[in-house]
Amino acid sequence: METKERSEENKICPLEVAVNTISGKWKIPIVWQINEGKKRPSEFLRGIAKVDRRVLNQQLTEMVKDGILKRKSFNELPPRVEYTLTELGEQLVGILWQLNDWGKLLIPEQKDSSN
């Protein structure tokens, strides 16, 4: 019985993994922006209000590690880096559109107009 309890505790919850992967104040805005095409860090800084460069870089690095973004470095002076969505990231965009549609149902003005 102790082994069964231990194995239950060690199970990985896919929903928890998914939520943890996209948690972070700027990760969803990053995905929304990069869905329009490849982006350089400076473009994210211009497009996302109030994001700190250090935090942006940290979140971009996490998203590359998690397989949502792909980072490409160019051997140029000055150095240039671009980010694009991976296939996993593109799947996330579809999920975020569904979440966006669901969110519309939660907005009072839109609730009233849909009845």
PDB file of N, CA and C in Angstrom:
ATOM      1  N   MET A   1       0.819  -1.188   0.000  1.00  0.00           N
ATOM      2  CA  MET A   1       0.000   0.000   0.000  1.00  0.00           C
ATOM      3  C   MET A   1       0.865   1.254   0.000  1.00  0.00           C
ATOM      4  N   GLU A   2       1.958   1.211   0.728  1.00  0.00           N
ATOM      5  CA  GLU A   2       2.851   2.369   0.771  1.00  0.00           C
ATOM      6  C   GLU A   2       3.394   2.674  -0.625  1.00  0.00           C
ATOM      7  N   THR A   3       3.697   1.650  -1.415  1.00  0.00           N
ATOM      8  CA  THR A   3       4.208   1.843  -2.771  1.00  0.00           C
ATOM      9  C   THR A   3       3.159   2.503  -3.652  1.00  0.00           C
ATOM     10  N   LYS A   4       1.897   2.090  -3.524  1.00  0.00           N
ATOM     11  CA  LYS A   4       0.826   2.678  -4.319  1.00  0.00           C
ATOM     12  C   LYS A   4       0.674   4.158  -3.977  1.00  0.00           C
ATOM     13  N   GLU A   5       0.686   4.504  -2.685  1.00  0.00           N
ATOM     14  CA  GLU A   5       0.569   5.898  -2.275  1.00  0.00           C
ATOM     15  C   GLU A   5       1.731   6.708  -2.822  1.00  0.00           C
ATOM     16  N   ARG A   6       2.915   6.156  -2.765  1.00  0.00           N
ATOM     17  CA  ARG A   6       4.092   6.853  -3.257  1.00  0.00           C
ATOM     18  C   ARG A   6       3.989   7.085  -4.766  1.00  0.00           C
ATOM     19  N   SER A   7       3.512   6.085  -5.510  1.00  0.00           N
ATOM     20  CA  SER A   7       3.400   6.252  -6.959  1.00  0.00           C
ATOM     21  C   SER A   7       2.320   7.280  -7.304  1.00  0.00           C
ATOM     22  N   GLU A   8       1.252   7.363  -6.509  1.00  0.00           N
ATOM     23  CA  GLU A   8       0.221   8.375  -6.731  1.00  0.00           C
ATOM     24  C   GLU A   8       0.800   9.775  -6.541  1.00  0.00           C
ATOM     25  N   GLU A   9       1.666   9.937  -5.536  1.00  0.00           N
ATOM     26  CA  GLU A   9       2.280  11.234  -5.277  1.00  0.00           C
ATOM     27  C   GLU A   9       3.244  11.632  -6.383  1.00  0.00           C
ATOM     28  N   ASN A  10       3.849  10.672  -7.047  1.00  0.00           N
ATOM     29  CA  ASN A  10       4.849  10.954  -8.071  1.00  0.00           C
ATOM     30  C   ASN A  10       4.256  11.170  -9.461  1.00  0.00           C
ATOM     31  N   LYS A  11       2.956  11.000  -9.620  1.00  0.00           N
ATOM     32  CA  LYS A  11       2.334  11.206 -10.925  1.00  0.00           C
ATOM     33  C   LYS A  11       2.437  12.671 -11.317  1.00  0.00           C
ATOM     34  N   ILE A  12       2.685  12.876 -12.580  1.00  0.00           N
ATOM     35  CA  ILE A  12       2.784  14.235 -13.095  1.00  0.00           C
ATOM     36  C   ILE A  12       1.437  14.624 -13.677  1.00  0.00           C
ATOM     37  N   CYS A  13       0.938  15.781 -13.260  1.00  0.00           N
ATOM     38  CA  CYS A  13      -0.337  16.277 -13.754  1.00  0.00           C
ATOM     39  C   CYS A  13      -0.077  17.120 -15.008  1.00  0.00           C
ATOM     40  N   PRO A  14      -0.562  16.688 -16.175  1.00  0.00           N
ATOM     41  CA  PRO A  14      -0.329  17.436 -17.411  1.00  0.00           C
ATOM     42  C   PRO A  14      -0.851  18.879 -17.358  1.00  0.00           C
ATOM     43  N   LEU A  15      -1.983  19.087 -16.708  1.00  0.00           N
ATOM     44  CA  LEU A  15      -2.524  20.441 -16.614  1.00  0.00           C
ATOM     45  C   LEU A  15      -1.596  21.338 -15.809  1.00  0.00           C
ATOM     46  N   GLU A  16      -1.057  20.808 -14.736  1.00  0.00           N
ATOM     47  CA  GLU A  16      -0.130  21.587 -13.913  1.00  0.00           C
ATOM     48  C   GLU A  16       1.136  21.936 -14.700  1.00  0.00           C
ATOM     49  N   VAL A  17       1.632  20.981 -15.467  1.00  0.00           N
ATOM     50  CA  VAL A  17       2.809  21.239 -16.294  1.00  0.00           C
ATOM     51  C   VAL A  17       2.509  22.328 -17.320  1.00  0.00           C
ATOM     52  N   ALA A  18       1.341  22.244 -17.964  1.00  0.00           N
ATOM     53  CA  ALA A  18       0.965  23.231 -18.981  1.00  0.00           C
ATOM     54  C   ALA A  18       0.839  24.624 -18.379  1.00  0.00           C
ATOM     55  N   VAL A  19       0.148  24.735 -17.253  1.00  0.00           N
ATOM     56  CA  VAL A  19      -0.038  26.036 -16.605  1.00  0.00           C
ATOM     57  C   VAL A  19       1.309  26.599 -16.152  1.00  0.00           C
ATOM     58  N   ASN A  20       2.154  25.764 -15.583  1.00  0.00           N
ATOM     59  CA  ASN A  20       3.473  26.231 -15.152  1.00  0.00           C
ATOM     60  C   ASN A  20       4.316  26.699 -16.336  1.00  0.00           C
ATOM     61  N   THR A  21       4.153  26.051 -17.476  1.00  0.00           N
ATOM     62  CA  THR A  21       4.927  26.406 -18.664  1.00  0.00           C
ATOM     63  C   THR A  21       4.561  27.787 -19.189  1.00  0.00           C
ATOM     64  N   ILE A  22       3.281  28.156 -19.108  1.00  0.00           N
ATOM     65  CA  ILE A  22       2.881  29.473 -19.635  1.00  0.00           C
ATOM     66  C   ILE A  22       2.716  30.516 -18.540  1.00  0.00           C
ATOM     67  N   SER A  23       2.975  30.120 -17.278  1.00  0.00           N
ATOM     68  CA  SER A  23       2.876  31.115 -16.219  1.00  0.00           C
ATOM     69  C   SER A  23       4.073  32.046 -16.316  1.00  0.00           C
ATOM     70  N   GLY A  24       3.865  33.228 -15.938  1.00  0.00           N
ATOM     71  CA  GLY A  24       4.871  34.270 -16.090  1.00  0.00           C
ATOM     72  C   GLY A  24       4.151  35.453 -16.707  1.00  0.00           C
ATOM     73  N   LYS A  25       4.365  36.591 -16.155  1.00  0.00           N
ATOM     74  CA  LYS A  25       3.593  37.772 -16.530  1.00  0.00           C
ATOM     75  C   LYS A  25       3.615  38.063 -18.027  1.00  0.00           C
ATOM     76  N   TRP A  26       4.694  37.767 -18.714  1.00  0.00           N
ATOM     77  CA  TRP A  26       4.837  38.200 -20.103  1.00  0.00           C
ATOM     78  C   TRP A  26       4.780  37.070 -21.117  1.00  0.00           C
ATOM     79  N   LYS A  27       4.650  35.834 -20.703  1.00  0.00           N
ATOM     80  CA  LYS A  27       4.713  34.724 -21.659  1.00  0.00           C
ATOM     81  C   LYS A  27       3.557  34.724 -22.655  1.00  0.00           C
ATOM     82  N   ILE A  28       2.358  34.978 -22.199  1.00  0.00           N
ATOM     83  CA  ILE A  28       1.227  35.002 -23.136  1.00  0.00           C
ATOM     84  C   ILE A  28       1.343  36.195 -24.092  1.00  0.00           C
ATOM     85  N   PRO A  29       1.666  37.411 -23.609  1.00  0.00           N
ATOM     86  CA  PRO A  29       1.883  38.504 -24.571  1.00  0.00           C
ATOM     87  C   PRO A  29       3.020  38.215 -25.562  1.00  0.00           C
ATOM     88  N   ILE A  30       4.048  37.510 -25.124  1.00  0.00           N
ATOM     89  CA  ILE A  30       5.138  37.137 -26.031  1.00  0.00           C
ATOM     90  C   ILE A  30       4.593  36.233 -27.135  1.00  0.00           C
ATOM     91  N   VAL A  31       3.798  35.244 -26.767  1.00  0.00           N
ATOM     92  CA  VAL A  31       3.237  34.323 -27.764  1.00  0.00           C
ATOM     93  C   VAL A  31       2.314  35.076 -28.717  1.00  0.00           C
ATOM     94  N   TRP A  32       1.487  35.985 -28.200  1.00  0.00           N
ATOM     95  CA  TRP A  32       0.597  36.768 -29.068  1.00  0.00           C
ATOM     96  C   TRP A  32       1.403  37.551 -30.086  1.00  0.00           C
ATOM     97  N   GLN A  33       2.483  38.178 -29.641  1.00  0.00           N
ATOM     98  CA  GLN A  33       3.294  38.987 -30.550  1.00  0.00           C
ATOM     99  C   GLN A  33       4.049  38.146 -31.569  1.00  0.00           C
ATOM    100  N   ILE A  34       4.622  37.072 -31.131  1.00  0.00           N
ATOM    101  CA  ILE A  34       5.459  36.281 -32.035  1.00  0.00           C
ATOM    102  C   ILE A  34       4.613  35.500 -33.027  1.00  0.00           C
ATOM    103  N   ASN A  35       3.329  35.360 -32.753  1.00  0.00           N
ATOM    104  CA  ASN A  35       2.428  34.705 -33.693  1.00  0.00           C
ATOM    105  C   ASN A  35       2.382  35.465 -35.021  1.00  0.00           C
ATOM    106  N   GLU A  36       2.702  36.749 -34.990  1.00  0.00           N
ATOM    107  CA  GLU A  36       2.716  37.569 -36.206  1.00  0.00           C
ATOM    108  C   GLU A  36       3.977  37.336 -37.032  1.00  0.00           C
ATOM    109  N   GLY A  37       4.932  36.617 -36.511  1.00  0.00           N
ATOM    110  CA  GLY A  37       6.179  36.339 -37.227  1.00  0.00           C
ATOM    111  C   GLY A  37       7.376  36.476 -36.312  1.00  0.00           C
ATOM    112  N   LYS A  38       8.546  36.178 -36.859  1.00  0.00           N
ATOM    113  CA  LYS A  38       9.771  36.213 -36.044  1.00  0.00           C
ATOM    114  C   LYS A  38       9.952  37.586 -35.417  1.00  0.00           C
ATOM    115  N   LYS A  39      10.542  37.571 -34.229  1.00  0.00           N
ATOM    116  CA  LYS A  39      10.735  38.815 -33.479  1.00  0.00           C
ATOM    117  C   LYS A  39      12.128  38.852 -32.874  1.00  0.00           C
ATOM    118  N   ARG A  40      12.627  40.065 -32.781  1.00  0.00           N
ATOM    119  CA  ARG A  40      13.875  40.327 -32.060  1.00  0.00           C
ATOM    120  C   ARG A  40      13.501  40.848 -30.680  1.00  0.00           C
ATOM    121  N   PRO A  41      14.391  40.686 -29.688  1.00  0.00           N
ATOM    122  CA  PRO A  41      14.068  41.163 -28.337  1.00  0.00           C
ATOM    123  C   PRO A  41      13.636  42.628 -28.296  1.00  0.00           C
ATOM    124  N   SER A  42      14.252  43.478 -29.096  1.00  0.00           N
ATOM    125  CA  SER A  42      13.880  44.901 -29.098  1.00  0.00           C
ATOM    126  C   SER A  42      12.441  45.100 -29.556  1.00  0.00           C
ATOM    127  N   GLU A  43      11.949  44.242 -30.442  1.00  0.00           N
ATOM    128  CA  GLU A  43      10.562  44.344 -30.905  1.00  0.00           C
ATOM    129  C   GLU A  43       9.596  43.975 -29.784  1.00  0.00           C
ATOM    130  N   PHE A  44       9.969  42.986 -28.981  1.00  0.00           N
ATOM    131  CA  PHE A  44       9.133  42.652 -27.824  1.00  0.00           C
ATOM    132  C   PHE A  44       9.098  43.819 -26.849  1.00  0.00           C
ATOM    133  N   LEU A  45      10.250  44.437 -26.631  1.00  0.00           N
ATOM    134  CA  LEU A  45      10.315  45.566 -25.689  1.00  0.00           C
ATOM    135  C   LEU A  45       9.409  46.711 -26.143  1.00  0.00           C
ATOM    136  N   ARG A  46       9.351  46.971 -27.448  1.00  0.00           N
ATOM    137  CA  ARG A  46       8.476  48.028 -27.966  1.00  0.00           C
ATOM    138  C   ARG A  46       7.007  47.628 -27.915  1.00  0.00           C
ATOM    139  N   GLY A  47       6.730  46.350 -28.108  1.00  0.00           N
ATOM    140  CA  GLY A  47       5.349  45.901 -28.233  1.00  0.00           C
ATOM    141  C   GLY A  47       4.656  45.527 -26.935  1.00  0.00           C
ATOM    142  N   ILE A  48       5.418  45.308 -25.884  1.00  0.00           N
ATOM    143  CA  ILE A  48       4.837  44.916 -24.602  1.00  0.00           C
ATOM    144  C   ILE A  48       5.125  46.022 -23.599  1.00  0.00           C
ATOM    145  N   ALA A  49       4.088  46.731 -23.221  1.00  0.00           N
ATOM    146  CA  ALA A  49       4.250  47.871 -22.316  1.00  0.00           C
ATOM    147  C   ALA A  49       4.811  47.439 -20.972  1.00  0.00           C
ATOM    148  N   LYS A  50       5.765  48.177 -20.492  1.00  0.00           N
ATOM    149  CA  LYS A  50       6.303  48.049 -19.136  1.00  0.00           C
ATOM    150  C   LYS A  50       7.109  46.778 -18.868  1.00  0.00           C
ATOM    151  N   VAL A  51       7.459  46.024 -19.891  1.00  0.00           N
ATOM    152  CA  VAL A  51       8.274  44.834 -19.642  1.00  0.00           C
ATOM    153  C   VAL A  51       9.720  45.261 -19.452  1.00  0.00           C
ATOM    154  N   ASP A  52      10.361  44.689 -18.458  1.00  0.00           N
ATOM    155  CA  ASP A  52      11.763  44.948 -18.155  1.00  0.00           C
ATOM    156  C   ASP A  52      12.620  44.032 -19.029  1.00  0.00           C
ATOM    157  N   ARG A  53      13.711  44.559 -19.577  1.00  0.00           N
ATOM    158  CA  ARG A  53      14.577  43.777 -20.475  1.00  0.00           C
ATOM    159  C   ARG A  53      15.073  42.493 -19.811  1.00  0.00           C
ATOM    160  N   ARG A  54      15.467  42.569 -18.551  1.00  0.00           N
ATOM    161  CA  ARG A  54      15.986  41.400 -17.842  1.00  0.00           C
ATOM    162  C   ARG A  54      14.901  40.325 -17.699  1.00  0.00           C
ATOM    163  N   VAL A  55      13.704  40.752 -17.337  1.00  0.00           N
ATOM    164  CA  VAL A  55      12.590  39.806 -17.173  1.00  0.00           C
ATOM    165  C   VAL A  55      12.204  39.213 -18.526  1.00  0.00           C
ATOM    166  N   LEU A  56      12.178  40.050 -19.560  1.00  0.00           N
ATOM    167  CA  LEU A  56      11.870  39.568 -20.903  1.00  0.00           C
ATOM    168  C   LEU A  56      12.870  38.496 -21.312  1.00  0.00           C
ATOM    169  N   ASN A  57      14.149  38.763 -21.140  1.00  0.00           N
ATOM    170  CA  ASN A  57      15.168  37.782 -21.514  1.00  0.00           C
ATOM    171  C   ASN A  57      15.031  36.485 -20.731  1.00  0.00           C
ATOM    172  N   GLN A  58      14.695  36.595 -19.452  1.00  0.00           N
ATOM    173  CA  GLN A  58      14.497  35.400 -18.620  1.00  0.00           C
ATOM    174  C   GLN A  58      13.325  34.581 -19.152  1.00  0.00           C
ATOM    175  N   GLN A  59      12.225  35.250 -19.484  1.00  0.00           N
ATOM    176  CA  GLN A  59      11.050  34.525 -19.958  1.00  0.00           C
ATOM    177  C   GLN A  59      11.287  33.933 -21.348  1.00  0.00           C
ATOM    178  N   LEU A  60      11.996  34.653 -22.216  1.00  0.00           N
ATOM    179  CA  LEU A  60      12.337  34.102 -23.524  1.00  0.00           C
ATOM    180  C   LEU A  60      13.203  32.854 -23.372  1.00  0.00           C
ATOM    181  N   THR A  61      14.174  32.907 -22.472  1.00  0.00           N
ATOM    182  CA  THR A  61      15.046  31.756 -22.227  1.00  0.00           C
ATOM    183  C   THR A  61      14.244  30.558 -21.724  1.00  0.00           C
ATOM    184  N   GLU A  62      13.317  30.789 -20.804  1.00  0.00           N
ATOM    185  CA  GLU A  62      12.471  29.704 -20.289  1.00  0.00           C
ATOM    186  C   GLU A  62      11.617  29.115 -21.405  1.00  0.00           C
ATOM    187  N   MET A  63      11.089  29.971 -22.279  1.00  0.00           N
ATOM    188  CA  MET A  63      10.221  29.490 -23.351  1.00  0.00           C
ATOM    189  C   MET A  63      11.003  28.687 -24.390  1.00  0.00           C
ATOM    190  N   VAL A  64      12.266  29.033 -24.604  1.00  0.00           N
ATOM    191  CA  VAL A  64      13.128  28.236 -25.484  1.00  0.00           C
ATOM    192  C   VAL A  64      13.372  26.880 -24.829  1.00  0.00           C
ATOM    193  N   LYS A  65      13.709  26.892 -23.547  1.00  0.00           N
ATOM    194  CA  LYS A  65      13.967  25.648 -22.805  1.00  0.00           C
ATOM    195  C   LYS A  65      12.734  24.737 -22.802  1.00  0.00           C
ATOM    196  N   ASP A  66      11.548  25.337 -22.712  1.00  0.00           N
ATOM    197  CA  ASP A  66      10.307  24.563 -22.673  1.00  0.00           C
ATOM    198  C   ASP A  66       9.824  24.134 -24.058  1.00  0.00           C
ATOM    199  N   GLY A  67      10.533  24.550 -25.107  1.00  0.00           N
ATOM    200  CA  GLY A  67      10.193  24.105 -26.456  1.00  0.00           C
ATOM    201  C   GLY A  67       9.103  24.911 -27.136  1.00  0.00           C
ATOM    202  N   ILE A  68       8.767  26.078 -26.608  1.00  0.00           N
ATOM    203  CA  ILE A  68       7.720  26.914 -27.208  1.00  0.00           C
ATOM    204  C   ILE A  68       8.314  27.831 -28.271  1.00  0.00           C
ATOM    205  N   LEU A  69       9.526  28.318 -28.016  1.00  0.00           N
ATOM    206  CA  LEU A  69      10.208  29.219 -28.948  1.00  0.00           C
ATOM    207  C   LEU A  69      11.512  28.595 -29.423  1.00  0.00           C
ATOM    208  N   LYS A  70      11.938  29.060 -30.589  1.00  0.00           N
ATOM    209  CA  LYS A  70      13.249  28.690 -31.118  1.00  0.00           C
ATOM    210  C   LYS A  70      14.060  29.982 -31.220  1.00  0.00           C
ATOM    211  N   ARG A  71      15.283  29.943 -30.761  1.00  0.00           N
ATOM    212  CA  ARG A  71      16.179  31.107 -30.783  1.00  0.00           C
ATOM    213  C   ARG A  71      17.224  30.892 -31.859  1.00  0.00           C
ATOM    214  N   LYS A  72      17.384  31.913 -32.705  1.00  0.00           N
ATOM    215  CA  LYS A  72      18.402  31.847 -33.748  1.00  0.00           C
ATOM    216  C   LYS A  72      19.333  33.035 -33.584  1.00  0.00           C
ATOM    217  N   SER A  73      20.633  32.732 -33.443  1.00  0.00           N
ATOM    218  CA  SER A  73      21.664  33.771 -33.328  1.00  0.00           C
ATOM    219  C   SER A  73      22.366  33.909 -34.666  1.00  0.00           C
ATOM    220  N   PHE A  74      22.624  35.144 -35.060  1.00  0.00           N
ATOM    221  CA  PHE A  74      23.335  35.422 -36.297  1.00  0.00           C
ATOM    222  C   PHE A  74      24.739  35.887 -35.954  1.00  0.00           C
ATOM    223  N   ASN A  75      25.707  35.406 -36.681  1.00  0.00           N
ATOM    224  CA  ASN A  75      27.097  35.756 -36.445  1.00  0.00           C
ATOM    225  C   ASN A  75      27.393  37.075 -37.170  1.00  0.00           C
ATOM    226  N   GLU A  76      26.892  38.164 -36.585  1.00  0.00           N
ATOM    227  CA  GLU A  76      27.030  39.488 -37.179  1.00  0.00           C
ATOM    228  C   GLU A  76      27.476  40.471 -36.118  1.00  0.00           C
ATOM    229  N   LEU A  77      27.904  41.624 -36.573  1.00  0.00           N
ATOM    230  CA  LEU A  77      28.183  42.740 -35.677  1.00  0.00           C
ATOM    231  C   LEU A  77      27.308  43.899 -36.100  1.00  0.00           C
ATOM    232  N   PRO A  78      26.489  44.438 -35.244  1.00  0.00           N
ATOM    233  CA  PRO A  78      26.214  43.975 -33.883  1.00  0.00           C
ATOM    234  C   PRO A  78      25.474  42.633 -33.907  1.00  0.00           C
ATOM    235  N   PRO A  79      25.575  41.884 -32.813  1.00  0.00           N
ATOM    236  CA  PRO A  79      24.910  40.578 -32.745  1.00  0.00           C
ATOM    237  C   PRO A  79      23.401  40.708 -32.939  1.00  0.00           C
ATOM    238  N   ARG A  80      22.839  39.723 -33.603  1.00  0.00           N
ATOM    239  CA  ARG A  80      21.394  39.729 -33.845  1.00  0.00           C
ATOM    240  C   ARG A  80      20.823  38.385 -33.417  1.00  0.00           C
ATOM    241  N   VAL A  81      19.669  38.446 -32.739  1.00  0.00           N
ATOM    242  CA  VAL A  81      18.972  37.242 -32.276  1.00  0.00           C
ATOM    243  C   VAL A  81      17.517  37.372 -32.696  1.00  0.00           C
ATOM    244  N   GLU A  82      16.938  36.281 -33.184  1.00  0.00           N
ATOM    245  CA  GLU A  82      15.520  36.252 -33.533  1.00  0.00           C
ATOM    246  C   GLU A  82      14.861  35.047 -32.873  1.00  0.00           C
ATOM    247  N   TYR A  83      13.602  35.222 -32.554  1.00  0.00           N
ATOM    248  CA  TYR A  83      12.807  34.146 -31.964  1.00  0.00           C
ATOM    249  C   TYR A  83      11.648  33.823 -32.900  1.00  0.00           C
ATOM    250  N   THR A  84      11.323  32.543 -32.993  1.00  0.00           N
ATOM    251  CA  THR A  84      10.155  32.082 -33.734  1.00  0.00           C
ATOM    252  C   THR A  84       9.444  31.026 -32.899  1.00  0.00           C
ATOM    253  N   LEU A  85       8.206  30.756 -33.258  1.00  0.00           N
ATOM    254  CA  LEU A  85       7.457  29.696 -32.588  1.00  0.00           C
ATOM    255  C   LEU A  85       7.899  28.336 -33.097  1.00  0.00           C
ATOM    256  N   THR A  86       7.942  27.381 -32.213  1.00  0.00           N
ATOM    257  CA  THR A  86       8.135  25.986 -32.606  1.00  0.00           C
ATOM    258  C   THR A  86       6.751  25.426 -32.933  1.00  0.00           C
ATOM    259  N   GLU A  87       6.705  24.181 -33.346  1.00  0.00           N
ATOM    260  CA  GLU A  87       5.415  23.539 -33.597  1.00  0.00           C
ATOM    261  C   GLU A  87       4.584  23.504 -32.306  1.00  0.00           C
ATOM    262  N   LEU A  88       5.245  23.242 -31.198  1.00  0.00           N
ATOM    263  CA  LEU A  88       4.570  23.241 -29.895  1.00  0.00           C
ATOM    264  C   LEU A  88       4.018  24.632 -29.584  1.00  0.00           C
ATOM    265  N   GLY A  89       4.782  25.656 -29.906  1.00  0.00           N
ATOM    266  CA  GLY A  89       4.337  27.030 -29.702  1.00  0.00           C
ATOM    267  C   GLY A  89       3.139  27.374 -30.569  1.00  0.00           C
ATOM    268  N   GLU A  90       3.136  26.885 -31.798  1.00  0.00           N
ATOM    269  CA  GLU A  90       1.993  27.124 -32.697  1.00  0.00           C
ATOM    270  C   GLU A  90       0.737  26.452 -32.154  1.00  0.00           C
ATOM    271  N   GLN A  91       0.891  25.272 -31.566  1.00  0.00           N
ATOM    272  CA  GLN A  91      -0.257  24.612 -30.938  1.00  0.00           C
ATOM    273  C   GLN A  91      -0.771  25.448 -29.774  1.00  0.00           C
ATOM    274  N   LEU A  92       0.140  26.058 -29.033  1.00  0.00           N
ATOM    275  CA  LEU A  92      -0.248  26.917 -27.915  1.00  0.00           C
ATOM    276  C   LEU A  92      -1.064  28.112 -28.402  1.00  0.00           C
ATOM    277  N   VAL A  93      -0.725  28.663 -29.545  1.00  0.00           N
ATOM    278  CA  VAL A  93      -1.487  29.795 -30.096  1.00  0.00           C
ATOM    279  C   VAL A  93      -2.946  29.400 -30.288  1.00  0.00           C
ATOM    280  N   GLY A  94      -3.184  28.218 -30.839  1.00  0.00           N
ATOM    281  CA  GLY A  94      -4.564  27.745 -31.023  1.00  0.00           C
ATOM    282  C   GLY A  94      -5.304  27.629 -29.704  1.00  0.00           C
ATOM    283  N   ILE A  95      -4.618  27.141 -28.702  1.00  0.00           N
ATOM    284  CA  ILE A  95      -5.215  27.006 -27.368  1.00  0.00           C
ATOM    285  C   ILE A  95      -5.519  28.381 -26.784  1.00  0.00           C
ATOM    286  N   LEU A  96      -4.611  29.331 -26.981  1.00  0.00           N
ATOM    287  CA  LEU A  96      -4.834  30.688 -26.467  1.00  0.00           C
ATOM    288  C   LEU A  96      -6.009  31.366 -27.168  1.00  0.00           C
ATOM    289  N   TRP A  97      -6.202  31.095 -28.460  1.00  0.00           N
ATOM    290  CA  TRP A  97      -7.388  31.647 -29.151  1.00  0.00           C
ATOM    291  C   TRP A  97      -8.661  31.082 -28.527  1.00  0.00           C
ATOM    292  N   GLN A  98      -8.665  29.795 -28.202  1.00  0.00           N
ATOM    293  CA  GLN A  98      -9.829  29.197 -27.544  1.00  0.00           C
ATOM    294  C   GLN A  98     -10.047  29.827 -26.177  1.00  0.00           C
ATOM    295  N   LEU A  99      -8.971  30.055 -25.447  1.00  0.00           N
ATOM    296  CA  LEU A  99      -9.060  30.691 -24.138  1.00  0.00           C
ATOM    297  C   LEU A  99      -9.566  32.127 -24.279  1.00  0.00           C
ATOM    298  N   ASN A 100      -9.133  32.810 -25.326  1.00  0.00           N
ATOM    299  CA  ASN A 100      -9.607  34.159 -25.617  1.00  0.00           C
ATOM    300  C   ASN A 100     -11.123  34.157 -25.840  1.00  0.00           C
ATOM    301  N   ASP A 101     -11.603  33.208 -26.638  1.00  0.00           N
ATOM    302  CA  ASP A 101     -13.047  33.108 -26.895  1.00  0.00           C
ATOM    303  C   ASP A 101     -13.814  32.814 -25.607  1.00  0.00           C
ATOM    304  N   TRP A 102     -13.268  31.942 -24.775  1.00  0.00           N
ATOM    305  CA  TRP A 102     -13.894  31.629 -23.498  1.00  0.00           C
ATOM    306  C   TRP A 102     -13.909  32.863 -22.608  1.00  0.00           C
ATOM    307  N   GLY A 103     -12.822  33.627 -22.620  1.00  0.00           N
ATOM    308  CA  GLY A 103     -12.742  34.853 -21.826  1.00  0.00           C
ATOM    309  C   GLY A 103     -13.812  35.863 -22.213  1.00  0.00           C
ATOM    310  N   LYS A 104     -14.161  35.902 -23.494  1.00  0.00           N
ATOM    311  CA  LYS A 104     -15.225  36.813 -23.948  1.00  0.00           C
ATOM    312  C   LYS A 104     -16.542  36.504 -23.246  1.00  0.00           C
ATOM    313  N   LEU A 105     -16.760  35.227 -22.957  1.00  0.00           N
ATOM    314  CA  LEU A 105     -17.996  34.825 -22.272  1.00  0.00           C
ATOM    315  C   LEU A 105     -18.049  35.335 -20.836  1.00  0.00           C
ATOM    316  N   LEU A 106     -16.910  35.681 -20.291  1.00  0.00           N
ATOM    317  CA  LEU A 106     -16.830  36.142 -18.908  1.00  0.00           C
ATOM    318  C   LEU A 106     -16.982  37.657 -18.774  1.00  0.00           C
ATOM    319  N   ILE A 107     -16.956  38.368 -19.909  1.00  0.00           N
ATOM    320  CA  ILE A 107     -17.071  39.821 -19.896  1.00  0.00           C
ATOM    321  C   ILE A 107     -18.554  40.181 -19.857  1.00  0.00           C
ATOM    322  N   PRO A 108     -18.991  40.896 -18.809  1.00  0.00           N
ATOM    323  CA  PRO A 108     -20.434  41.169 -18.628  1.00  0.00           C
ATOM    324  C   PRO A 108     -21.134  41.735 -19.867  1.00  0.00           C
ATOM    325  N   GLU A 109     -20.544  42.723 -20.535  1.00  0.00           N
ATOM    326  CA  GLU A 109     -21.201  43.318 -21.700  1.00  0.00           C
ATOM    327  C   GLU A 109     -21.418  42.277 -22.801  1.00  0.00           C
ATOM    328  N   GLN A 110     -20.472  41.380 -22.938  1.00  0.00           N
ATOM    329  CA  GLN A 110     -20.566  40.374 -23.997  1.00  0.00           C
ATOM    330  C   GLN A 110     -21.495  39.243 -23.587  1.00  0.00           C
ATOM    331  N   LYS A 111     -21.622  38.992 -22.295  1.00  0.00           N
ATOM    332  CA  LYS A 111     -22.577  37.987 -21.811  1.00  0.00           C
ATOM    333  C   LYS A 111     -23.985  38.416 -22.185  1.00  0.00           C
ATOM    334  N   ASP A 112     -24.291  39.699 -21.915  1.00  0.00           N
ATOM    335  CA  ASP A 112     -25.634  40.226 -22.175  1.00  0.00           C
ATOM    336  C   ASP A 112     -25.968  40.207 -23.663  1.00  0.00           C
ATOM    337  N   SER A 113     -25.017  40.521 -24.530  1.00  0.00           N
ATOM    338  CA  SER A 113     -25.294  40.619 -25.959  1.00  0.00           C
ATOM    339  C   SER A 113     -25.400  39.254 -26.614  1.00  0.00           C
ATOM    340  N   SER A 114     -24.894  38.193 -25.977  1.00  0.00           N
ATOM    341  CA  SER A 114     -24.964  36.861 -26.572  1.00  0.00           C
ATOM    342  C   SER A 114     -26.280  36.153 -26.275  1.00  0.00           C
ATOM    343  N   ASN A 115     -27.112  36.740 -25.428  1.00  0.00           N
ATOM    344  CA  ASN A 115     -28.397  36.094 -25.089  1.00  0.00           C
ATOM    345  C   ASN A 115     -29.494  36.558 -25.998  1.00  0.00           C
TER     346      ASN A 115
END
